[in-house]
PDB file of N, CA and C in Angstrom:
ATOM      1  N   MET A   1      10.116  28.792  10.266  1.00  0.00           N
ATOM      2  CA  MET A   1       8.801  29.189  10.716  1.00  0.00           C
ATOM      3  C   MET A   1       7.711  28.642   9.792  1.00  0.00           C
ATOM      4  N   SER A   2       7.901  28.801   8.479  1.00  0.00           N
ATOM      5  CA  SER A   2       6.879  28.336   7.543  1.00  0.00           C
ATOM      6  C   SER A   2       6.782  26.811   7.544  1.00  0.00           C
ATOM      7  N   GLN A   3       7.889  26.129   7.776  1.00  0.00           N
ATOM      8  CA  GLN A   3       7.865  24.664   7.844  1.00  0.00           C
ATOM      9  C   GLN A   3       7.052  24.191   9.049  1.00  0.00           C
ATOM     10  N   GLN A   4       7.139  24.912  10.162  1.00  0.00           N
ATOM     11  CA  GLN A   4       6.365  24.565  11.343  1.00  0.00           C
ATOM     12  C   GLN A   4       4.867  24.737  11.098  1.00  0.00           C
ATOM     13  N   ILE A   5       4.507  25.767  10.347  1.00  0.00           N
ATOM     14  CA  ILE A   5       3.102  25.988  10.015  1.00  0.00           C
ATOM     15  C   ILE A   5       2.602  24.883   9.105  1.00  0.00           C
ATOM     16  N   LEU A   6       3.413  24.504   8.114  1.00  0.00           N
ATOM     17  CA  LEU A   6       3.041  23.417   7.217  1.00  0.00           C
ATOM     18  C   LEU A   6       2.873  22.102   7.972  1.00  0.00           C
ATOM     19  N   ASP A   7       3.775  21.814   8.890  1.00  0.00           N
ATOM     20  CA  ASP A   7       3.663  20.596   9.704  1.00  0.00           C
ATOM     21  C   ASP A   7       2.397  20.592  10.542  1.00  0.00           C
ATOM     22  N   LEU A   8       2.032  21.740  11.076  1.00  0.00           N
ATOM     23  CA  LEU A   8       0.829  21.847  11.896  1.00  0.00           C
ATOM     24  C   LEU A   8      -0.430  21.604  11.061  1.00  0.00           C
ATOM     25  N   VAL A   9      -0.464  22.164   9.856  1.00  0.00           N
ATOM     26  CA  VAL A   9      -1.615  21.966   8.972  1.00  0.00           C
ATOM     27  C   VAL A   9      -1.679  20.522   8.503  1.00  0.00           C
ATOM     28  N   GLU A  10      -0.511  19.942   8.198  1.00  0.00           N
ATOM     29  CA  GLU A  10      -0.456  18.569   7.703  1.00  0.00           C
ATOM     30  C   GLU A  10      -0.864  17.566   8.774  1.00  0.00           C
ATOM     31  N   LYS A  11      -0.578  17.857  10.019  1.00  0.00           N
ATOM     32  CA  LYS A  11      -0.889  16.938  11.118  1.00  0.00           C
ATOM     33  C   LYS A  11      -2.391  16.668  11.228  1.00  0.00           C
ATOM     34  N   SER A  12      -3.219  17.638  10.858  1.00  0.00           N
ATOM     35  CA  SER A  12      -4.666  17.457  10.960  1.00  0.00           C
ATOM     36  C   SER A  12      -5.194  16.457   9.934  1.00  0.00           C
ATOM     37  N   SER A  13      -4.484  16.273   8.809  1.00  0.00           N
ATOM     38  CA  SER A  13      -4.959  15.358   7.768  1.00  0.00           C
ATOM     39  C   SER A  13      -4.368  13.951   7.897  1.00  0.00           C
ATOM     40  N   LEU A  14      -3.494  13.714   8.862  1.00  0.00           N
ATOM     41  CA  LEU A  14      -2.898  12.399   9.046  1.00  0.00           C
ATOM     42  C   LEU A  14      -3.842  11.477   9.811  1.00  0.00           C
ATOM     43  N   LYS A  15      -3.777  10.182   9.482  1.00  0.00           N
ATOM     44  CA  LYS A  15      -4.518   9.195  10.254  1.00  0.00           C
ATOM     45  C   LYS A  15      -3.768   8.892  11.541  1.00  0.00           C
ATOM     46  N   ASP A  16      -4.476   8.299  12.514  1.00  0.00           N
ATOM     47  CA  ASP A  16      -3.836   7.921  13.774  1.00  0.00           C
ATOM     48  C   ASP A  16      -2.892   6.754  13.560  1.00  0.00           C
ATOM     49  N   LYS A  17      -2.011   6.534  14.533  1.00  0.00           N
ATOM     50  CA  LYS A  17      -1.056   5.426  14.458  1.00  0.00           C
ATOM     51  C   LYS A  17      -1.752   4.073  14.388  1.00  0.00           C
ATOM     52  N   ASP A  18      -2.873   3.929  15.117  1.00  0.00           N
ATOM     53  CA  ASP A  18      -3.561   2.640  15.141  1.00  0.00           C
ATOM     54  C   ASP A  18      -4.367   2.393  13.863  1.00  0.00           C
ATOM     55  N   GLU A  19      -4.669   3.430  13.087  1.00  0.00           N
ATOM     56  CA  GLU A  19      -5.404   3.260  11.830  1.00  0.00           C
ATOM     57  C   GLU A  19      -4.498   2.814  10.691  1.00  0.00           C
ATOM     58  N   VAL A  20      -3.227   3.189  10.743  1.00  0.00           N
ATOM     59  CA  VAL A  20      -2.279   2.845   9.678  1.00  0.00           C
ATOM     60  C   VAL A  20      -1.464   1.638  10.129  1.00  0.00           C
ATOM     61  N   PRO A  21      -1.613   0.488   9.453  1.00  0.00           N
ATOM     62  CA  PRO A  21      -0.861  -0.693   9.874  1.00  0.00           C
ATOM     63  C   PRO A  21       0.608  -0.602   9.464  1.00  0.00           C
ATOM     64  N   GLN A  22       1.429  -1.379  10.124  1.00  0.00           N
ATOM     65  CA  GLN A  22       2.850  -1.442   9.811  1.00  0.00           C
ATOM     66  C   GLN A  22       3.043  -2.475   8.711  1.00  0.00           C
ATOM     67  N   PHE A  23       3.437  -2.043   7.520  1.00  0.00           N
ATOM     68  CA  PHE A  23       3.736  -2.967   6.434  1.00  0.00           C
ATOM     69  C   PHE A  23       4.950  -2.459   5.678  1.00  0.00           C
ATOM     70  N   ASP A  24       5.644  -3.386   5.029  1.00  0.00           N
ATOM     71  CA  ASP A  24       6.889  -3.079   4.338  1.00  0.00           C
ATOM     72  C   ASP A  24       6.781  -3.446   2.866  1.00  0.00           C
ATOM     73  N   ILE A  25       7.824  -3.135   2.126  1.00  0.00           N
ATOM     74  CA  ILE A  25       7.896  -3.531   0.729  1.00  0.00           C
ATOM     75  C   ILE A  25       8.033  -5.049   0.678  1.00  0.00           C
ATOM     76  N   GLY A  26       7.306  -5.675  -0.245  1.00  0.00           N
ATOM     77  CA  GLY A  26       7.328  -7.123  -0.376  1.00  0.00           C
ATOM     78  C   GLY A  26       6.187  -7.814   0.335  1.00  0.00           C
ATOM     79  N   ASP A  27       5.429  -7.086   1.135  1.00  0.00           N
ATOM     80  CA  ASP A  27       4.294  -7.672   1.840  1.00  0.00           C
ATOM     81  C   ASP A  27       3.102  -7.805   0.900  1.00  0.00           C
ATOM     82  N   THR A  28       2.343  -8.879   1.075  1.00  0.00           N
ATOM     83  CA  THR A  28       1.093  -9.052   0.338  1.00  0.00           C
ATOM     84  C   THR A  28      -0.022  -8.460   1.190  1.00  0.00           C
ATOM     85  N   VAL A  29      -0.751  -7.514   0.616  1.00  0.00           N
ATOM     86  CA  VAL A  29      -1.760  -6.780   1.372  1.00  0.00           C
ATOM     87  C   VAL A  29      -3.103  -6.780   0.653  1.00  0.00           C
ATOM     88  N   ASP A  30      -4.168  -6.575   1.428  1.00  0.00           N
ATOM     89  CA  ASP A  30      -5.497  -6.300   0.909  1.00  0.00           C
ATOM     90  C   ASP A  30      -5.811  -4.851   1.247  1.00  0.00           C
ATOM     91  N   VAL A  31      -6.029  -4.033   0.222  1.00  0.00           N
ATOM     92  CA  VAL A  31      -6.341  -2.626   0.426  1.00  0.00           C
ATOM     93  C   VAL A  31      -7.845  -2.448   0.234  1.00  0.00           C
ATOM     94  N   HIS A  32      -8.539  -2.041   1.282  1.00  0.00           N
ATOM     95  CA  HIS A  32      -9.979  -1.825   1.235  1.00  0.00           C
ATOM     96  C   HIS A  32     -10.220  -0.350   0.898  1.00  0.00           C
ATOM     97  N   THR A  33     -10.782  -0.087  -0.281  1.00  0.00           N
ATOM     98  CA  THR A  33     -11.027   1.290  -0.707  1.00  0.00           C
ATOM     99  C   THR A  33     -12.526   1.555  -0.794  1.00  0.00           C
ATOM    100  N   ARG A  34     -12.907   2.776  -0.457  1.00  0.00           N
ATOM    101  CA  ARG A  34     -14.307   3.185  -0.551  1.00  0.00           C
ATOM    102  C   ARG A  34     -14.574   3.672  -1.973  1.00  0.00           C
ATOM    103  N   ILE A  35     -15.596   3.100  -2.611  1.00  0.00           N
ATOM    104  CA  ILE A  35     -15.962   3.446  -3.980  1.00  0.00           C
ATOM    105  C   ILE A  35     -17.361   4.054  -3.952  1.00  0.00           C
ATOM    106  N   LEU A  36     -17.533   5.203  -4.611  1.00  0.00           N
ATOM    107  CA  LEU A  36     -18.846   5.824  -4.723  1.00  0.00           C
ATOM    108  C   LEU A  36     -19.469   5.437  -6.062  1.00  0.00           C
ATOM    109  N   GLU A  37     -20.649   4.849  -6.010  1.00  0.00           N
ATOM    110  CA  GLU A  37     -21.401   4.510  -7.209  1.00  0.00           C
ATOM    111  C   GLU A  37     -22.753   5.189  -7.104  1.00  0.00           C
ATOM    112  N   GLY A  38     -22.879   6.335  -7.711  1.00  0.00           N
ATOM    113  CA  GLY A  38     -24.113   7.104  -7.594  1.00  0.00           C
ATOM    114  C   GLY A  38     -24.273   7.621  -6.183  1.00  0.00           C
ATOM    115  N   GLU A  39     -25.331   7.203  -5.525  1.00  0.00           N
ATOM    116  CA  GLU A  39     -25.599   7.620  -4.150  1.00  0.00           C
ATOM    117  C   GLU A  39     -24.993   6.648  -3.133  1.00  0.00           C
ATOM    118  N   LYS A  40     -24.671   5.427  -3.592  1.00  0.00           N
ATOM    119  CA  LYS A  40     -24.212   4.382  -2.673  1.00  0.00           C
ATOM    120  C   LYS A  40     -22.694   4.372  -2.558  1.00  0.00           C
ATOM    121  N   GLU A  41     -22.244   3.915  -1.412  1.00  0.00           N
ATOM    122  CA  GLU A  41     -20.808   3.750  -1.174  1.00  0.00           C
ATOM    123  C   GLU A  41     -20.562   2.299  -0.814  1.00  0.00           C
ATOM    124  N   ARG A  42     -19.531   1.709  -1.429  1.00  0.00           N
ATOM    125  CA  ARG A  42     -19.193   0.326  -1.120  1.00  0.00           C
ATOM    126  C   ARG A  42     -17.692   0.209  -0.967  1.00  0.00           C
ATOM    127  N   ILE A  43     -17.263  -0.937  -0.431  1.00  0.00           N
ATOM    128  CA  ILE A  43     -15.841  -1.208  -0.216  1.00  0.00           C
ATOM    129  C   ILE A  43     -15.365  -2.173  -1.298  1.00  0.00           C
ATOM    130  N   GLN A  44     -14.266  -1.815  -1.954  1.00  0.00           N
ATOM    131  CA  GLN A  44     -13.652  -2.685  -2.956  1.00  0.00           C
ATOM    132  C   GLN A  44     -12.272  -3.079  -2.454  1.00  0.00           C
ATOM    133  N   ILE A  45     -11.917  -4.356  -2.607  1.00  0.00           N
ATOM    134  CA  ILE A  45     -10.644  -4.864  -2.103  1.00  0.00           C
ATOM    135  C   ILE A  45      -9.689  -5.072  -3.269  1.00  0.00           C
ATOM    136  N   PHE A  46      -8.481  -4.525  -3.133  1.00  0.00           N
ATOM    137  CA  PHE A  46      -7.423  -4.701  -4.122  1.00  0.00           C
ATOM    138  C   PHE A  46      -6.296  -5.455  -3.424  1.00  0.00           C
ATOM    139  N   SER A  47      -6.033  -6.685  -3.864  1.00  0.00           N
ATOM    140  CA  SER A  47      -5.011  -7.528  -3.234  1.00  0.00           C
ATOM    141  C   SER A  47      -3.779  -7.566  -4.106  1.00  0.00           C
ATOM    142  N   GLY A  48      -2.607  -7.510  -3.493  1.00  0.00           N
ATOM    143  CA  GLY A  48      -1.377  -7.603  -4.262  1.00  0.00           C
ATOM    144  C   GLY A  48      -0.155  -7.398  -3.395  1.00  0.00           C
ATOM    145  N   VAL A  49       0.996  -7.279  -4.053  1.00  0.00           N
ATOM    146  CA  VAL A  49       2.284  -7.124  -3.382  1.00  0.00           C
ATOM    147  C   VAL A  49       2.671  -5.653  -3.398  1.00  0.00           C
ATOM    148  N   VAL A  50       3.121  -5.151  -2.261  1.00  0.00           N
ATOM    149  CA  VAL A  50       3.602  -3.772  -2.181  1.00  0.00           C
ATOM    150  C   VAL A  50       4.975  -3.727  -2.833  1.00  0.00           C
ATOM    151  N   ILE A  51       5.092  -2.966  -3.937  1.00  0.00           N
ATOM    152  CA  ILE A  51       6.375  -2.907  -4.639  1.00  0.00           C
ATOM    153  C   ILE A  51       7.114  -1.601  -4.391  1.00  0.00           C
ATOM    154  N   ALA A  52       6.441  -0.591  -3.828  1.00  0.00           N
ATOM    155  CA  ALA A  52       7.120   0.683  -3.579  1.00  0.00           C
ATOM    156  C   ALA A  52       6.362   1.489  -2.536  1.00  0.00           C
ATOM    157  N   ARG A  53       7.118   2.300  -1.811  1.00  0.00           N
ATOM    158  CA  ARG A  53       6.562   3.315  -0.920  1.00  0.00           C
ATOM    159  C   ARG A  53       7.359   4.577  -1.169  1.00  0.00           C
ATOM    160  N   ASN A  54       6.681   5.715  -1.240  1.00  0.00           N
ATOM    161  CA  ASN A  54       7.405   6.969  -1.409  1.00  0.00           C
ATOM    162  C   ASN A  54       6.630   8.110  -0.787  1.00  0.00           C
ATOM    163  N   GLY A  55       7.312   9.219  -0.570  1.00  0.00           N
ATOM    164  CA  GLY A  55       6.714  10.379   0.073  1.00  0.00           C
ATOM    165  C   GLY A  55       6.810  10.282   1.582  1.00  0.00           C
ATOM    166  N   SER A  56       6.335  11.326   2.233  1.00  0.00           N
ATOM    167  CA  SER A  56       6.316  11.337   3.696  1.00  0.00           C
ATOM    168  C   SER A  56       5.159  12.202   4.156  1.00  0.00           C
ATOM    169  N   GLY A  57       4.763  12.003   5.384  1.00  0.00           N
ATOM    170  CA  GLY A  57       3.672  12.781   5.941  1.00  0.00           C
ATOM    171  C   GLY A  57       2.358  12.454   5.256  1.00  0.00           C
ATOM    172  N   SER A  58       1.577  13.480   4.969  1.00  0.00           N
ATOM    173  CA  SER A  58       0.278  13.259   4.333  1.00  0.00           C
ATOM    174  C   SER A  58       0.413  12.898   2.860  1.00  0.00           C
ATOM    175  N   ARG A  59       1.593  13.090   2.278  1.00  0.00           N
ATOM    176  CA  ARG A  59       1.819  12.776   0.867  1.00  0.00           C
ATOM    177  C   ARG A  59       2.386  11.380   0.648  1.00  0.00           C
ATOM    178  N   GLU A  60       2.400  10.545   1.676  1.00  0.00           N
ATOM    179  CA  GLU A  60       2.976   9.207   1.543  1.00  0.00           C
ATOM    180  C   GLU A  60       2.068   8.314   0.698  1.00  0.00           C
ATOM    181  N   MET A  61       2.674   7.626  -0.295  1.00  0.00           N
ATOM    182  CA  MET A  61       1.945   6.758  -1.216  1.00  0.00           C
ATOM    183  C   MET A  61       2.600   5.377  -1.191  1.00  0.00           C
ATOM    184  N   PHE A  62       1.807   4.369  -1.549  1.00  0.00           N
ATOM    185  CA  PHE A  62       2.379   3.042  -1.745  1.00  0.00           C
ATOM    186  C   PHE A  62       1.757   2.426  -2.984  1.00  0.00           C
ATOM    187  N   THR A  63       2.563   1.599  -3.682  1.00  0.00           N
ATOM    188  CA  THR A  63       2.145   0.991  -4.935  1.00  0.00           C
ATOM    189  C   THR A  63       1.946  -0.497  -4.717  1.00  0.00           C
ATOM    190  N   VAL A  64       0.798  -1.007  -5.171  1.00  0.00           N
ATOM    191  CA  VAL A  64       0.459  -2.427  -5.032  1.00  0.00           C
ATOM    192  C   VAL A  64       0.323  -3.013  -6.430  1.00  0.00           C
ATOM    193  N   ARG A  65       0.919  -4.185  -6.634  1.00  0.00           N
ATOM    194  CA  ARG A  65       0.894  -4.851  -7.937  1.00  0.00           C
ATOM    195  C   ARG A  65       0.274  -6.228  -7.800  1.00  0.00           C
ATOM    196  N   ARG A  66      -0.581  -6.579  -8.763  1.00  0.00           N
ATOM    197  CA  ARG A  66      -1.146  -7.918  -8.806  1.00  0.00           C
ATOM    198  C   ARG A  66      -1.332  -8.317 -10.255  1.00  0.00           C
ATOM    199  N   ILE A  67      -1.550  -9.629 -10.473  1.00  0.00           N
ATOM    200  CA  ILE A  67      -1.751 -10.172 -11.809  1.00  0.00           C
ATOM    201  C   ILE A  67      -3.234 -10.483 -11.973  1.00  0.00           C
ATOM    202  N   VAL A  68      -3.855  -9.920 -13.009  1.00  0.00           N
ATOM    203  CA  VAL A  68      -5.262 -10.167 -13.311  1.00  0.00           C
ATOM    204  C   VAL A  68      -5.342 -10.671 -14.741  1.00  0.00           C
ATOM    205  N   SER A  69      -5.782 -11.920 -14.897  1.00  0.00           N
ATOM    206  CA  SER A  69      -5.900 -12.584 -16.208  1.00  0.00           C
ATOM    207  C   SER A  69      -4.641 -12.389 -17.056  1.00  0.00           C
ATOM    208  N   ASN A  70      -3.514 -12.798 -16.478  1.00  0.00           N
ATOM    209  CA  ASN A  70      -2.187 -12.756 -17.118  1.00  0.00           C
ATOM    210  C   ASN A  70      -1.752 -11.353 -17.525  1.00  0.00           C
ATOM    211  N   GLU A  71      -2.264 -10.343 -16.868  1.00  0.00           N
ATOM    212  CA  GLU A  71      -1.864  -8.961 -17.124  1.00  0.00           C
ATOM    213  C   GLU A  71      -1.530  -8.314 -15.791  1.00  0.00           C
ATOM    214  N   GLY A  72      -0.387  -7.656 -15.696  1.00  0.00           N
ATOM    215  CA  GLY A  72       0.008  -6.996 -14.458  1.00  0.00           C
ATOM    216  C   GLY A  72      -0.752  -5.697 -14.271  1.00  0.00           C
ATOM    217  N   VAL A  73      -1.281  -5.491 -13.063  1.00  0.00           N
ATOM    218  CA  VAL A  73      -2.028  -4.279 -12.740  1.00  0.00           C
ATOM    219  C   VAL A  73      -1.379  -3.652 -11.512  1.00  0.00           C
ATOM    220  N   GLU A  74      -1.026  -2.382 -11.623  1.00  0.00           N
ATOM    221  CA  GLU A  74      -0.453  -1.657 -10.494  1.00  0.00           C
ATOM    222  C   GLU A  74      -1.378  -0.508 -10.138  1.00  0.00           C
ATOM    223  N   ARG A  75      -1.460  -0.242  -8.836  1.00  0.00           N
ATOM    224  CA  ARG A  75      -2.301   0.855  -8.384  1.00  0.00           C
ATOM    225  C   ARG A  75      -1.610   1.553  -7.229  1.00  0.00           C
ATOM    226  N   LYS A  76      -1.602   2.880  -7.262  1.00  0.00           N
ATOM    227  CA  LYS A  76      -0.992   3.676  -6.201  1.00  0.00           C
ATOM    228  C   LYS A  76      -2.082   4.185  -5.272  1.00  0.00           C
ATOM    229  N   PHE A  77      -1.817   4.072  -3.971  1.00  0.00           N
ATOM    230  CA  PHE A  77      -2.775   4.506  -2.959  1.00  0.00           C
ATOM    231  C   PHE A  77      -2.109   5.525  -2.044  1.00  0.00           C
ATOM    232  N   PRO A  78      -2.811   6.609  -1.710  1.00  0.00           N
ATOM    233  CA  PRO A  78      -2.320   7.504  -0.658  1.00  0.00           C
ATOM    234  C   PRO A  78      -2.571   6.849   0.704  1.00  0.00           C
ATOM    235  N   LEU A  79      -1.556   6.796   1.523  1.00  0.00           N
ATOM    236  CA  LEU A  79      -1.642   6.074   2.793  1.00  0.00           C
ATOM    237  C   LEU A  79      -2.650   6.708   3.756  1.00  0.00           C
ATOM    238  N   HIS A  80      -2.710   8.027   3.778  1.00  0.00           N
ATOM    239  CA  HIS A  80      -3.554   8.720   4.758  1.00  0.00           C
ATOM    240  C   HIS A  80      -4.874   9.205   4.163  1.00  0.00           C
ATOM    241  N   SER A  81      -5.270   8.670   3.027  1.00  0.00           N
ATOM    242  CA  SER A  81      -6.509   9.099   2.387  1.00  0.00           C
ATOM    243  C   SER A  81      -7.725   8.543   3.125  1.00  0.00           C
ATOM    244  N   PRO A  82      -8.803   9.324   3.221  1.00  0.00           N
ATOM    245  CA  PRO A  82     -10.031   8.783   3.809  1.00  0.00           C
ATOM    246  C   PRO A  82     -10.696   7.743   2.901  1.00  0.00           C
ATOM    247  N   ARG A  83     -10.347   7.691   1.628  1.00  0.00           N
ATOM    248  CA  ARG A  83     -10.878   6.693   0.704  1.00  0.00           C
ATOM    249  C   ARG A  83     -10.299   5.299   0.984  1.00  0.00           C
ATOM    250  N   VAL A  84      -9.129   5.227   1.596  1.00  0.00           N
ATOM    251  CA  VAL A  84      -8.540   3.940   1.972  1.00  0.00           C
ATOM    252  C   VAL A  84      -9.091   3.583   3.352  1.00  0.00           C
ATOM    253  N   ALA A  85     -10.005   2.592   3.369  1.00  0.00           N
ATOM    254  CA  ALA A  85     -10.657   2.221   4.627  1.00  0.00           C
ATOM    255  C   ALA A  85      -9.675   1.512   5.553  1.00  0.00           C
ATOM    256  N   LYS A  86      -8.998   0.477   5.034  1.00  0.00           N
ATOM    257  CA  LYS A  86      -7.999  -0.214   5.848  1.00  0.00           C
ATOM    258  C   LYS A  86      -7.069  -1.005   4.950  1.00  0.00           C
ATOM    259  N   VAL A  87      -5.949  -1.398   5.520  1.00  0.00           N
ATOM    260  CA  VAL A  87      -4.945  -2.199   4.820  1.00  0.00           C
ATOM    261  C   VAL A  87      -4.677  -3.420   5.685  1.00  0.00           C
ATOM    262  N   ASP A  88      -4.963  -4.616   5.141  1.00  0.00           N
ATOM    263  CA  ASP A  88      -4.708  -5.865   5.849  1.00  0.00           C
ATOM    264  C   ASP A  88      -3.441  -6.500   5.292  1.00  0.00           C
ATOM    265  N   VAL A  89      -2.517  -6.864   6.173  1.00  0.00           N
ATOM    266  CA  VAL A  89      -1.291  -7.537   5.762  1.00  0.00           C
ATOM    267  C   VAL A  89      -1.548  -9.034   5.798  1.00  0.00           C
ATOM    268  N   LYS A  90      -1.404  -9.718   4.651  1.00  0.00           N
ATOM    269  CA  LYS A  90      -1.657 -11.154   4.552  1.00  0.00           C
ATOM    270  C   LYS A  90      -0.373 -11.962   4.713  1.00  0.00           C
ATOM    271  N   ARG A  91       0.698 -11.546   4.027  1.00  0.00           N
ATOM    272  CA  ARG A  91       1.989 -12.226   4.085  1.00  0.00           C
ATOM    273  C   ARG A  91       3.086 -11.178   4.147  1.00  0.00           C
ATOM    274  N   SER A  92       4.215 -11.558   4.695  1.00  0.00           N
ATOM    275  CA  SER A  92       5.386 -10.693   4.679  1.00  0.00           C
ATOM    276  C   SER A  92       6.433 -11.330   3.787  1.00  0.00           C
ATOM    277  N   GLY A  93       6.908 -10.572   2.820  1.00  0.00           N
ATOM    278  CA  GLY A  93       7.912 -11.090   1.896  1.00  0.00           C
ATOM    279  C   GLY A  93       9.309 -10.697   2.315  1.00  0.00           C
ATOM    280  N   LEU A  94      10.255 -11.583   2.060  1.00  0.00           N
ATOM    281  CA  LEU A  94      11.658 -11.333   2.376  1.00  0.00           C
ATOM    282  C   LEU A  94      12.319 -10.715   1.152  1.00  0.00           C
ATOM    283  N   VAL A  95      12.664  -9.431   1.233  1.00  0.00           N
ATOM    284  CA  VAL A  95      13.261  -8.723   0.104  1.00  0.00           C
ATOM    285  C   VAL A  95      14.486  -7.959   0.571  1.00  0.00           C
ATOM    286  N   ARG A  96      15.332  -7.601  -0.401  1.00  0.00           N
ATOM    287  CA  ARG A  96      16.548  -6.856  -0.105  1.00  0.00           C
ATOM    288  C   ARG A  96      16.601  -5.549  -0.880  1.00  0.00           C
ATOM    289  N   ARG A  97      15.479  -5.101  -1.377  1.00  0.00           N
ATOM    290  CA  ARG A  97      15.411  -3.893  -2.182  1.00  0.00           C
ATOM    291  C   ARG A  97      14.359  -2.948  -1.607  1.00  0.00           C
ATOM    292  N   ALA A  98      14.496  -1.676  -1.906  1.00  0.00           N
ATOM    293  CA  ALA A  98      13.505  -0.690  -1.489  1.00  0.00           C
ATOM    294  C   ALA A  98      12.384  -0.579  -2.511  1.00  0.00           C
ATOM    295  N   LYS A  99      12.676  -0.859  -3.770  1.00  0.00           N
ATOM    296  CA  LYS A  99      11.675  -0.824  -4.830  1.00  0.00           C
ATOM    297  C   LYS A  99      11.742  -2.148  -5.585  1.00  0.00           C
ATOM    298  N   LEU A 100      10.600  -2.788  -5.790  1.00  0.00           N
ATOM    299  CA  LEU A 100      10.562  -4.103  -6.435  1.00  0.00           C
ATOM    300  C   LEU A 100      10.088  -3.999  -7.879  1.00  0.00           C
ATOM    301  N   TYR A 101      10.615  -3.023  -8.618  1.00  0.00           N
ATOM    302  CA  TYR A 101      10.203  -2.839 -10.005  1.00  0.00           C
ATOM    303  C   TYR A 101      10.649  -3.995 -10.900  1.00  0.00           C
ATOM    304  N   PHE A 102      11.611  -4.799 -10.453  1.00  0.00           N
ATOM    305  CA  PHE A 102      12.063  -5.932 -11.254  1.00  0.00           C
ATOM    306  C   PHE A 102      10.978  -7.002 -11.380  1.00  0.00           C
ATOM    307  N   LEU A 103       9.960  -6.975 -10.518  1.00  0.00           N
ATOM    308  CA  LEU A 103       8.864  -7.944 -10.615  1.00  0.00           C
ATOM    309  C   LEU A 103       8.016  -7.720 -11.865  1.00  0.00           C
ATOM    310  N   ARG A 104       8.116  -6.534 -12.474  1.00  0.00           N
ATOM    311  CA  ARG A 104       7.348  -6.244 -13.687  1.00  0.00           C
ATOM    312  C   ARG A 104       7.774  -7.127 -14.849  1.00  0.00           C
ATOM    313  N   ASP A 105       9.038  -7.523 -14.869  1.00  0.00           N
ATOM    314  CA  ASP A 105       9.562  -8.330 -15.965  1.00  0.00           C
ATOM    315  C   ASP A 105       9.370  -9.819 -15.748  1.00  0.00           C
ATOM    316  N   ARG A 106       8.972 -10.222 -14.565  1.00  0.00           N
ATOM    317  CA  ARG A 106       8.867 -11.642 -14.240  1.00  0.00           C
ATOM    318  C   ARG A 106       7.476 -12.184 -14.477  1.00  0.00           C
ATOM    319  N   VAL A 107       7.418 -13.489 -14.773  1.00  0.00           N
ATOM    320  CA  VAL A 107       6.150 -14.148 -15.099  1.00  0.00           C
ATOM    321  C   VAL A 107       6.054 -15.440 -14.307  1.00  0.00           C
ATOM    322  N   GLY A 108       4.856 -15.813 -13.893  1.00  0.00           N
ATOM    323  CA  GLY A 108       4.609 -17.108 -13.266  1.00  0.00           C
ATOM    324  C   GLY A 108       5.192 -17.220 -11.876  1.00  0.00           C
ATOM    325  N   LYS A 109       5.862 -18.355 -11.635  1.00  0.00           N
ATOM    326  CA  LYS A 109       6.386 -18.624 -10.292  1.00  0.00           C
ATOM    327  C   LYS A 109       7.543 -17.709  -9.923  1.00  0.00           C
ATOM    328  N   ALA A 110       8.171 -17.084 -10.906  1.00  0.00           N
ATOM    329  CA  ALA A 110       9.300 -16.192 -10.631  1.00  0.00           C
ATOM    330  C   ALA A 110       8.856 -14.927  -9.895  1.00  0.00           C
ATOM    331  N   VAL A 111       7.571 -14.642  -9.905  1.00  0.00           N
ATOM    332  CA  VAL A 111       7.054 -13.452  -9.232  1.00  0.00           C
ATOM    333  C   VAL A 111       6.979 -13.652  -7.722  1.00  0.00           C
ATOM    334  N   ARG A 112       6.870 -14.906  -7.276  1.00  0.00           N
ATOM    335  CA  ARG A 112       6.714 -15.179  -5.846  1.00  0.00           C
ATOM    336  C   ARG A 112       7.945 -14.767  -5.055  1.00  0.00           C
ATOM    337  N   LEU A 113       7.698 -14.298  -3.843  1.00  0.00           N
ATOM    338  CA  LEU A 113       8.765 -13.896  -2.926  1.00  0.00           C
ATOM    339  C   LEU A 113       8.815 -14.871  -1.769  1.00  0.00           C
ATOM    340  N   LYS A 114      10.015 -15.043  -1.190  1.00  0.00           N
ATOM    341  CA  LYS A 114      10.137 -15.879  -0.002  1.00  0.00           C
ATOM    342  C   LYS A 114       9.426 -15.195   1.155  1.00  0.00           C
ATOM    343  N   GLU A 115       8.867 -16.010   2.035  1.00  0.00           N
ATOM    344  CA  GLU A 115       8.110 -15.458   3.164  1.00  0.00           C
ATOM    345  C   GLU A 115       9.041 -15.155   4.331  1.00  0.00           C
ATOM    346  N   ARG A 116       8.826 -13.995   4.934  1.00  0.00           N
ATOM    347  CA  ARG A 116       9.591 -13.598   6.108  1.00  0.00           C
ATOM    348  C   ARG A 116       8.897 -14.144   7.332  1.00  0.00           C
ATOM    349  N   ARG A 117       9.629 -14.855   8.170  1.00  0.00           N
ATOM    350  CA  ARG A 117       9.072 -15.401   9.402  1.00  0.00           C
ATOM    351  C   ARG A 117       9.222 -14.360  10.492  1.00  0.00           C
ATOM    352  N   ARG A 118       8.110 -14.040  11.136  1.00  0.00           N
ATOM    353  CA  ARG A 118       8.135 -13.058  12.220  1.00  0.00           C
ATOM    354  C   ARG A 118       7.951 -13.775  13.538  1.00  0.00           C
ATOM    355  N   ASP A 119       8.886 -13.626  14.430  1.00  0.00           N
ATOM    356  CA  ASP A 119       8.787 -14.225  15.759  1.00  0.00           C
ATOM    357  C   ASP A 119       8.068 -13.235  16.668  1.00  0.00           C
ATOM    358  N   THR A 120       6.925 -13.671  17.205  1.00  0.00           N
ATOM    359  CA  THR A 120       6.178 -12.781  18.086  1.00  0.00           C
ATOM    360  C   THR A 120       5.965 -13.395  19.439  1.00  0.00           C
TER     361      THR A 120
END
């Protein structure tokens, strides 16, 4: 009974199916986030490779990693947050793992993933 109530409350905070794009681990994405600077609001884009997804429902998170001036930067985003404006999928990577934490140890060309060809 209590689980049904929790599901009902959680359903109101979820985004629609068409607002959340289909992306997998290994995909290169652009995450558009809303940033508040004083009174103004602007969109900031964080580009990188999705190395992990965890959680479910309204608590689902994904981790994006990119290299900035030879330093690895990782950022976790809540999938259903109103602060995440949209997620654009740029490339699909061919991977065989659920978590790509091994990319943290790699440098240069070794970080690149093979591209997955999608037949549409």
